[in-house]
Amino acid sequence: MSLREIAPVLQIALGPVILISGIGLLLLSMTNRLGRLIDRARLLSEERHRATGPEVEKVEAQIAVLSARSVDMRRAIVLAVVSLLFAAVLVITLFLAAVLRWEAVVLVVVLFACCMLSLIASLVSFLQDVNHSLTAIRLELGERREDRPA
């Protein structure tokens, strides 16, 4: 195979490579968010040990929301990584198909579809985390309203 023959393959593989870069940035955002979740859970755990009376219920409600959020974030991260892996396998498949002169249209379509479906599922989980974080904010704001003098 000559360099002229591989150039079109490089052009075709550029799309999935850009997708890999984009998913990588998404994963960076998600792992940062997970880190903040973990930090907040540690703080709430300490707060729970110091809390008394009705404060315990409020802290435990926040911890329950954080627990649900952590499940959403873990799912989002796992699905984004799966999407990333499908994109990487897609790039390798494109090159192997070109070098081996192998007709891999069906495999390429399946890999791309799996990549996109995993990415979509990851984004749905990410949105679920955002919705749960709004619940946590409502809980916290509710506490602050109760702390205000009448």
Protein backbone atom coordinates (compact mmCIF):
# COMPACT_ATOMS: atom_id res chain seq x y z
CA MET A 1 0.00 0.00 0.00
CA SER A 2 1.37 3.41 -0.94
CA LEU A 3 1.17 6.70 0.88
CA ARG A 4 -1.33 7.95 -1.71
CA GLU A 5 -3.62 5.06 -0.92
CA ILE A 6 -3.46 5.62 2.84
CA ALA A 7 -4.19 9.39 2.67
CA PRO A 8 -7.95 8.89 2.10
CA VAL A 9 -8.03 6.47 5.05
CA LEU A 10 -6.42 9.14 7.23
CA GLN A 11 -9.10 11.59 6.11
CA ILE A 12 -11.87 9.13 6.93
CA ALA A 13 -10.32 8.29 10.32
CA LEU A 14 -10.08 11.97 11.24
CA GLY A 15 -13.78 12.10 12.25
CA PRO A 16 -13.53 9.36 14.89
CA VAL A 17 -10.22 10.84 16.13
CA ILE A 18 -11.92 14.21 16.69
CA LEU A 19 -14.74 12.34 18.42
CA ILE A 20 -12.16 10.71 20.72
CA SER A 21 -10.81 14.15 21.60
CA GLY A 22 -14.28 15.49 22.34
CA ILE A 23 -15.21 12.52 24.51
CA GLY A 24 -11.91 12.94 26.34
CA LEU A 25 -12.86 16.51 27.24
CA LEU A 26 -16.30 15.33 28.32
CA LEU A 27 -14.66 12.70 30.54
CA LEU A 28 -12.45 15.38 32.08
CA SER A 29 -15.54 17.37 32.99
CA MET A 30 -17.31 14.31 34.36
CA THR A 31 -14.37 13.17 36.49
CA ASN A 32 -14.00 16.69 37.90
CA ARG A 33 -17.67 16.63 38.80
CA LEU A 34 -17.27 13.21 40.41
CA GLY A 35 -14.32 14.54 42.43
CA ARG A 36 -16.44 17.40 43.72
CA LEU A 37 -19.17 14.90 44.61
CA ILE A 38 -16.71 12.82 46.60
CA ASP A 39 -15.38 15.89 48.43
CA ARG A 40 -18.92 16.99 49.30
CA ALA A 41 -19.79 13.48 50.53
CA ARG A 42 -16.79 13.54 52.86
CA LEU A 43 -17.85 16.89 54.28
CA LEU A 44 -21.42 15.72 54.80
CA SER A 45 -20.19 12.54 56.47
CA GLU A 46 -18.27 14.65 59.01
CA GLU A 47 -21.31 16.88 59.42
CA ARG A 48 -23.54 13.87 60.09
CA HIS A 49 -21.30 12.79 62.99
CA ARG A 50 -21.61 16.25 64.57
CA ALA A 51 -25.31 16.75 63.81
CA THR A 52 -28.04 16.32 66.38
CA GLY A 53 -31.82 16.13 66.26
CA PRO A 54 -33.51 17.29 63.03
CA GLU A 55 -30.14 18.27 61.52
CA VAL A 56 -29.31 14.57 61.14
CA GLU A 57 -32.31 14.04 58.82
CA LYS A 58 -31.34 17.02 56.66
CA VAL A 59 -27.75 15.82 56.31
CA GLU A 60 -28.89 12.28 55.56
CA ALA A 61 -31.26 13.58 52.87
CA GLN A 62 -28.35 15.40 51.23
CA ILE A 63 -26.19 12.27 51.48
CA ALA A 64 -28.98 10.25 49.79
CA VAL A 65 -29.02 12.74 46.91
CA LEU A 66 -25.22 12.54 46.63
CA SER A 67 -25.46 8.77 46.55
CA ALA A 68 -27.93 8.89 43.64
CA ARG A 69 -25.74 11.45 41.89
CA SER A 70 -22.65 9.27 42.28
CA VAL A 71 -24.48 6.37 40.62
CA ASP A 72 -25.45 8.65 37.71
CA MET A 73 -21.91 9.99 37.35
CA ARG A 74 -20.34 6.54 37.48
CA ARG A 75 -22.76 5.35 34.77
CA ALA A 76 -22.06 8.44 32.65
CA ILE A 77 -18.30 7.96 32.94
CA VAL A 78 -18.45 4.24 32.16
CA LEU A 79 -20.62 4.84 29.10
CA ALA A 80 -18.36 7.66 27.89
CA VAL A 81 -15.35 5.34 28.22
CA VAL A 82 -17.22 2.62 26.32
CA SER A 83 -17.99 5.18 23.61
CA LEU A 84 -14.33 6.15 23.53
CA LEU A 85 -13.31 2.50 23.17
CA PHE A 86 -15.74 1.99 20.27
CA ALA A 87 -14.28 5.07 18.55
CA ALA A 88 -10.74 3.76 19.02
CA VAL A 89 -11.66 0.34 17.65
CA LEU A 90 -13.37 2.11 14.75
CA VAL A 91 -10.13 3.92 13.84
CA ILE A 92 -8.16 0.67 14.01
CA THR A 93 -10.81 -1.08 11.89
CA LEU A 94 -10.64 1.64 9.25
CA PHE A 95 -6.87 1.27 8.97
CA LEU A 96 -6.93 -2.53 8.95
CA ALA A 97 -9.66 -2.53 6.31
CA ALA A 98 -7.56 -0.21 4.14
CA VAL A 99 -4.30 -2.10 4.59
CA LEU A 100 -5.83 -5.55 4.19
CA ARG A 101 -8.20 -4.37 1.43
CA TRP A 102 -11.06 -5.74 3.49
CA GLU A 103 -14.69 -4.68 2.99
CA ALA A 104 -15.70 -3.74 6.54
CA VAL A 105 -18.65 -1.45 5.88
CA VAL A 106 -21.03 -3.31 8.17
CA LEU A 107 -18.50 -3.46 11.01
CA VAL A 108 -17.68 0.25 10.62
CA VAL A 109 -21.37 1.17 10.73
CA VAL A 110 -21.98 -1.04 13.80
CA LEU A 111 -18.96 0.38 15.63
CA PHE A 112 -19.96 3.96 14.86
CA ALA A 113 -23.57 3.32 15.93
CA CYS A 114 -22.41 1.69 19.19
CA CYS A 115 -20.10 4.63 19.82
CA MET A 116 -22.92 7.13 19.35
CA LEU A 117 -25.43 5.11 21.38
CA SER A 118 -22.98 4.85 24.28
CA LEU A 119 -22.30 8.57 24.06
CA ILE A 120 -26.02 9.37 24.06
CA ALA A 121 -26.59 7.11 27.09
CA SER A 122 -23.66 8.78 28.85
CA LEU A 123 -25.13 12.22 28.23
CA VAL A 124 -28.53 11.08 29.52
CA SER A 125 -26.88 9.89 32.75
CA PHE A 126 -25.02 13.18 32.95
CA LEU A 127 -28.34 15.04 32.68
CA GLN A 128 -29.79 12.85 35.42
CA ASP A 129 -26.88 13.92 37.64
CA VAL A 130 -27.62 17.56 36.85
CA ASN A 131 -31.26 17.04 37.85
CA HIS A 132 -30.20 15.36 41.09
CA SER A 133 -27.84 18.26 41.82
CA LEU A 134 -30.80 20.63 41.53
CA THR A 135 -32.59 18.52 44.14
CA ALA A 136 -29.56 18.89 46.41
CA ILE A 137 -29.61 22.66 45.94
CA ARG A 138 -33.31 22.77 46.84
CA LEU A 139 -32.59 20.81 50.01
CA GLU A 140 -29.78 23.15 50.96
CA LEU A 141 -31.75 26.29 50.18
CA GLY A 142 -34.67 24.92 52.16
CA GLU A 143 -32.37 24.58 55.16
CA ARG A 144 -31.10 28.12 54.76
CA ARG A 145 -34.64 29.53 54.58
CA GLU A 146 -35.47 27.76 57.84
CA ASP A 147 -32.36 29.25 59.49
CA ARG A 148 -33.49 32.83 58.76
CA PRO A 149 -35.25 34.72 61.53
CA ALA A 150 -38.96 35.30 60.96
